[in-house]
Amino acid sequence: MDTVEELRGTYFYKGMFNLTAGELFFFVFLDEAQKQLGVEDVATLALIILGQPTQTTRAKPAGTTKGTSILSANLRVWLKIRVHRWPTLTTESIKGLRFSYVNNLGAFAGRWIPILGIGFIMNDVVQIAWKTTHSYNLIAKEGDKLW
């Protein structure tokens, strides 16, 4: 038998046999996720986590996100460059579908880096879903294909 075959209505895939269509899809998904995810995804997750407002801070006006992130607090110190009202997103500004503006390059970077990380993770999810569906449909018999 090859690494992928159909056998009496079940599937044989990379040493596993008697797999249902759902089980086959699951193992194809695991293979595609393993190929897609790497060390850079761990770094991306770290930046997303470091960008969460977990640190206490001074009193803020009503309607603003409580606290600040480790990333933003440190970047504000390291990148003390004045800018004029650059748009950023915070938890509260996203809820209100509006931008929040900053005058410090470090604050700008501290707020956008986690959002870029979320974009990278979303790209990984889309890539894994697309490749899994494509690979599965190449293997599955006509009645088991997703489209």
C-alpha atoms as a PDB file:
ATOM      1  CA  MET A   1       0.000   0.000   0.000  1.00  0.00           C
ATOM      2  CA  ASP A   2       1.054   3.549  -0.689  1.00  0.00           C
ATOM      3  CA  THR A   3       1.052   6.230   2.009  1.00  0.00           C
ATOM      4  CA  VAL A   4      -2.480   7.258   0.964  1.00  0.00           C
ATOM      5  CA  GLU A   5      -5.102   4.825  -0.287  1.00  0.00           C
ATOM      6  CA  GLU A   6      -8.742   4.004   0.049  1.00  0.00           C
ATOM      7  CA  LEU A   7      -9.412   0.485   1.327  1.00  0.00           C
ATOM      8  CA  ARG A   8     -12.968  -0.959   1.450  1.00  0.00           C
ATOM      9  CA  GLY A   9     -14.572   2.412   2.177  1.00  0.00           C
ATOM     10  CA  THR A  10     -11.955   3.437   4.742  1.00  0.00           C
ATOM     11  CA  TYR A  11      -8.646   5.178   4.270  1.00  0.00           C
ATOM     12  CA  PHE A  12      -4.994   4.298   4.829  1.00  0.00           C
ATOM     13  CA  TYR A  13      -2.853   7.360   5.527  1.00  0.00           C
ATOM     14  CA  LYS A  14       0.812   7.458   6.566  1.00  0.00           C
ATOM     15  CA  GLY A  15       0.779   4.144   8.403  1.00  0.00           C
ATOM     16  CA  MET A  16      -2.721   4.527   9.909  1.00  0.00           C
ATOM     17  CA  PHE A  17      -5.465   2.355   8.532  1.00  0.00           C
ATOM     18  CA  ASN A  18      -9.241   1.939   8.768  1.00  0.00           C
ATOM     19  CA  LEU A  19      -9.666   5.715   8.957  1.00  0.00           C
ATOM     20  CA  THR A  20     -13.068   7.251   8.397  1.00  0.00           C
ATOM     21  CA  ALA A  21     -13.353  10.344   6.225  1.00  0.00           C
ATOM     22  CA  GLY A  22     -13.453  12.529   9.365  1.00  0.00           C
ATOM     23  CA  GLU A  23     -10.385  10.868  10.846  1.00  0.00           C
ATOM     24  CA  LEU A  24      -8.558  11.252   7.541  1.00  0.00           C
ATOM     25  CA  PHE A  25      -9.385  14.974   7.499  1.00  0.00           C
ATOM     26  CA  PHE A  26      -8.117  15.323  11.086  1.00  0.00           C
ATOM     27  CA  PHE A  27      -4.761  13.685  10.313  1.00  0.00           C
ATOM     28  CA  VAL A  28      -4.339  15.708   7.108  1.00  0.00           C
ATOM     29  CA  PHE A  29      -5.057  18.817   9.232  1.00  0.00           C
ATOM     30  CA  LEU A  30      -2.369  17.818  11.744  1.00  0.00           C
ATOM     31  CA  ASP A  31       0.158  17.327   8.924  1.00  0.00           C
ATOM     32  CA  GLU A  32      -0.610  20.707   7.357  1.00  0.00           C
ATOM     33  CA  ALA A  33      -0.495  22.483  10.736  1.00  0.00           C
ATOM     34  CA  GLN A  34       2.873  20.897  11.486  1.00  0.00           C
ATOM     35  CA  LYS A  35       4.218  22.098   8.121  1.00  0.00           C
ATOM     36  CA  GLN A  36       2.857  25.645   8.569  1.00  0.00           C
ATOM     37  CA  LEU A  37       3.691  26.403  12.187  1.00  0.00           C
ATOM     38  CA  GLY A  38       7.225  27.069  13.325  1.00  0.00           C
ATOM     39  CA  VAL A  39       9.472  29.042  15.642  1.00  0.00           C
ATOM     40  CA  GLU A  40       8.318  32.369  14.200  1.00  0.00           C
ATOM     41  CA  ASP A  41       4.772  31.550  15.349  1.00  0.00           C
ATOM     42  CA  VAL A  42       6.007  31.151  18.920  1.00  0.00           C
ATOM     43  CA  ALA A  43       7.625  34.585  18.652  1.00  0.00           C
ATOM     44  CA  THR A  44       4.403  36.002  17.200  1.00  0.00           C
ATOM     45  CA  LEU A  45       2.394  34.570  20.079  1.00  0.00           C
ATOM     46  CA  ALA A  46       4.884  36.041  22.543  1.00  0.00           C
ATOM     47  CA  LEU A  47       4.435  39.500  21.005  1.00  0.00           C
ATOM     48  CA  ILE A  48       0.645  39.143  21.125  1.00  0.00           C
ATOM     49  CA  ILE A  49       0.811  38.147  24.789  1.00  0.00           C
ATOM     50  CA  LEU A  50       3.304  40.898  25.653  1.00  0.00           C
ATOM     51  CA  GLY A  51       0.955  43.353  23.937  1.00  0.00           C
ATOM     52  CA  GLN A  52      -1.978  42.616  26.259  1.00  0.00           C
ATOM     53  CA  PRO A  53      -2.787  45.336  28.835  1.00  0.00           C
ATOM     54  CA  THR A  54      -1.833  43.370  31.955  1.00  0.00           C
ATOM     55  CA  GLN A  55       0.195  46.045  33.763  1.00  0.00           C
ATOM     56  CA  THR A  56      -1.397  48.597  36.057  1.00  0.00           C
ATOM     57  CA  THR A  57      -0.922  52.224  35.159  1.00  0.00           C
ATOM     58  CA  ARG A  58      -1.968  55.712  36.163  1.00  0.00           C
ATOM     59  CA  ALA A  59      -5.613  56.745  36.235  1.00  0.00           C
ATOM     60  CA  LYS A  60      -6.993  57.054  32.716  1.00  0.00           C
ATOM     61  CA  PRO A  61     -10.009  58.859  31.274  1.00  0.00           C
ATOM     62  CA  ALA A  62     -13.314  56.999  30.999  1.00  0.00           C
ATOM     63  CA  GLY A  63     -13.685  54.882  27.876  1.00  0.00           C
ATOM     64  CA  THR A  64     -10.019  53.949  27.612  1.00  0.00           C
ATOM     65  CA  THR A  65      -8.446  50.523  27.985  1.00  0.00           C
ATOM     66  CA  LYS A  66      -7.462  49.818  31.583  1.00  0.00           C
ATOM     67  CA  GLY A  67      -3.765  49.134  32.139  1.00  0.00           C
ATOM     68  CA  THR A  68      -0.899  48.957  29.685  1.00  0.00           C
ATOM     69  CA  SER A  69       1.154  46.212  28.109  1.00  0.00           C
ATOM     70  CA  ILE A  70       4.728  45.242  28.898  1.00  0.00           C
ATOM     71  CA  LEU A  71       5.557  45.867  25.246  1.00  0.00           C
ATOM     72  CA  SER A  72       4.024  49.351  25.159  1.00  0.00           C
ATOM     73  CA  ALA A  73       5.513  50.417  28.488  1.00  0.00           C
ATOM     74  CA  ASN A  74       9.030  49.436  27.396  1.00  0.00           C
ATOM     75  CA  LEU A  75       8.776  50.772  23.858  1.00  0.00           C
ATOM     76  CA  ARG A  76       7.599  54.143  25.196  1.00  0.00           C
ATOM     77  CA  VAL A  77      10.912  54.379  27.089  1.00  0.00           C
ATOM     78  CA  TRP A  78      13.118  53.019  24.302  1.00  0.00           C
ATOM     79  CA  LEU A  79      11.491  54.960  21.447  1.00  0.00           C
ATOM     80  CA  LYS A  80      11.009  58.419  22.924  1.00  0.00           C
ATOM     81  CA  ILE A  81      10.260  60.037  19.589  1.00  0.00           C
ATOM     82  CA  ARG A  82       7.438  62.533  19.398  1.00  0.00           C
ATOM     83  CA  VAL A  83       4.906  62.071  16.597  1.00  0.00           C
ATOM     84  CA  HIS A  84       1.675  63.911  15.894  1.00  0.00           C
ATOM     85  CA  ARG A  85      -1.531  61.939  16.495  1.00  0.00           C
ATOM     86  CA  TRP A  86      -0.704  58.602  14.900  1.00  0.00           C
ATOM     87  CA  PRO A  87      -3.694  56.212  14.831  1.00  0.00           C
ATOM     88  CA  THR A  88      -3.641  53.020  16.888  1.00  0.00           C
ATOM     89  CA  LEU A  89      -6.130  50.429  18.055  1.00  0.00           C
ATOM     90  CA  THR A  90      -6.807  49.424  21.637  1.00  0.00           C
ATOM     91  CA  THR A  91      -9.318  47.028  23.148  1.00  0.00           C
ATOM     92  CA  GLU A  92     -11.727  49.873  23.842  1.00  0.00           C
ATOM     93  CA  SER A  93     -11.221  51.666  20.530  1.00  0.00           C
ATOM     94  CA  ILE A  94     -11.936  48.442  18.638  1.00  0.00           C
ATOM     95  CA  LYS A  95     -15.182  48.011  20.598  1.00  0.00           C
ATOM     96  CA  GLY A  96     -16.138  51.556  19.629  1.00  0.00           C
ATOM     97  CA  LEU A  97     -15.009  51.062  16.000  1.00  0.00           C
ATOM     98  CA  ARG A  98     -12.672  54.025  16.174  1.00  0.00           C
ATOM     99  CA  PHE A  99      -8.968  54.792  16.348  1.00  0.00           C
ATOM    100  CA  SER A 100      -7.113  55.967  19.413  1.00  0.00           C
ATOM    101  CA  TYR A 101      -4.307  58.448  18.751  1.00  0.00           C
ATOM    102  CA  VAL A 102      -0.827  58.650  20.301  1.00  0.00           C
ATOM    103  CA  ASN A 103       2.012  61.176  20.265  1.00  0.00           C
ATOM    104  CA  ASN A 104       4.850  58.742  21.039  1.00  0.00           C
ATOM    105  CA  LEU A 105       6.458  56.371  18.521  1.00  0.00           C
ATOM    106  CA  GLY A 106       6.969  53.741  21.240  1.00  0.00           C
ATOM    107  CA  ALA A 107       3.255  53.753  22.108  1.00  0.00           C
ATOM    108  CA  PHE A 108       2.415  53.478  18.419  1.00  0.00           C
ATOM    109  CA  ALA A 109       4.706  50.459  17.962  1.00  0.00           C
ATOM    110  CA  GLY A 110       3.555  48.909  21.243  1.00  0.00           C
ATOM    111  CA  ARG A 111      -0.057  48.978  20.093  1.00  0.00           C
ATOM    112  CA  TRP A 112       0.456  47.854  16.484  1.00  0.00           C
ATOM    113  CA  ILE A 113       2.923  44.986  16.997  1.00  0.00           C
ATOM    114  CA  PRO A 114       0.359  42.678  18.682  1.00  0.00           C
ATOM    115  CA  ILE A 115      -2.219  43.496  15.994  1.00  0.00           C
ATOM    116  CA  LEU A 116       0.279  42.561  13.291  1.00  0.00           C
ATOM    117  CA  GLY A 117       0.932  39.332  15.234  1.00  0.00           C
ATOM    118  CA  ILE A 118      -2.784  38.558  15.195  1.00  0.00           C
ATOM    119  CA  GLY A 119      -2.733  39.116  11.431  1.00  0.00           C
ATOM    120  CA  PHE A 120       0.158  36.663  11.043  1.00  0.00           C
ATOM    121  CA  ILE A 121      -1.656  34.040  13.132  1.00  0.00           C
ATOM    122  CA  MET A 122      -4.844  34.560  11.101  1.00  0.00           C
ATOM    123  CA  ASN A 123      -2.801  34.000   7.936  1.00  0.00           C
ATOM    124  CA  ASP A 124      -1.518  30.715   9.375  1.00  0.00           C
ATOM    125  CA  VAL A 125      -5.075  29.600  10.182  1.00  0.00           C
ATOM    126  CA  VAL A 126      -6.273  30.401   6.655  1.00  0.00           C
ATOM    127  CA  GLN A 127      -3.250  28.679   5.069  1.00  0.00           C
ATOM    128  CA  ILE A 128      -3.738  25.546   7.186  1.00  0.00           C
ATOM    129  CA  ALA A 129      -7.473  25.414   6.420  1.00  0.00           C
ATOM    130  CA  TRP A 130      -6.925  25.886   2.676  1.00  0.00           C
ATOM    131  CA  LYS A 131      -4.087  23.367   2.388  1.00  0.00           C
ATOM    132  CA  THR A 132      -5.902  20.811   4.547  1.00  0.00           C
ATOM    133  CA  THR A 133      -9.058  21.035   2.470  1.00  0.00           C
ATOM    134  CA  HIS A 134      -7.099  20.839  -0.795  1.00  0.00           C
ATOM    135  CA  SER A 135      -4.989  17.849   0.330  1.00  0.00           C
ATOM    136  CA  TYR A 136      -8.007  16.057   1.791  1.00  0.00           C
ATOM    137  CA  ASN A 137     -10.014  16.525  -1.411  1.00  0.00           C
ATOM    138  CA  LEU A 138      -7.149  15.065  -3.453  1.00  0.00           C
ATOM    139  CA  ILE A 139      -7.265  11.913  -1.300  1.00  0.00           C
ATOM    140  CA  ALA A 140     -10.964  11.462  -0.532  1.00  0.00           C
ATOM    141  CA  LYS A 141     -13.360   9.584  -2.776  1.00  0.00           C
ATOM    142  CA  GLU A 142     -16.080  11.555  -4.529  1.00  0.00           C
ATOM    143  CA  GLY A 143     -18.757  11.158  -1.832  1.00  0.00           C
ATOM    144  CA  ASP A 144     -16.404  12.241   0.979  1.00  0.00           C
ATOM    145  CA  LYS A 145     -14.955  15.369  -0.647  1.00  0.00           C
ATOM    146  CA  LEU A 146     -15.774  18.712   0.938  1.00  0.00           C
ATOM    147  CA  TRP A 147     -16.622  20.357  -2.407  1.00  0.00           C
END
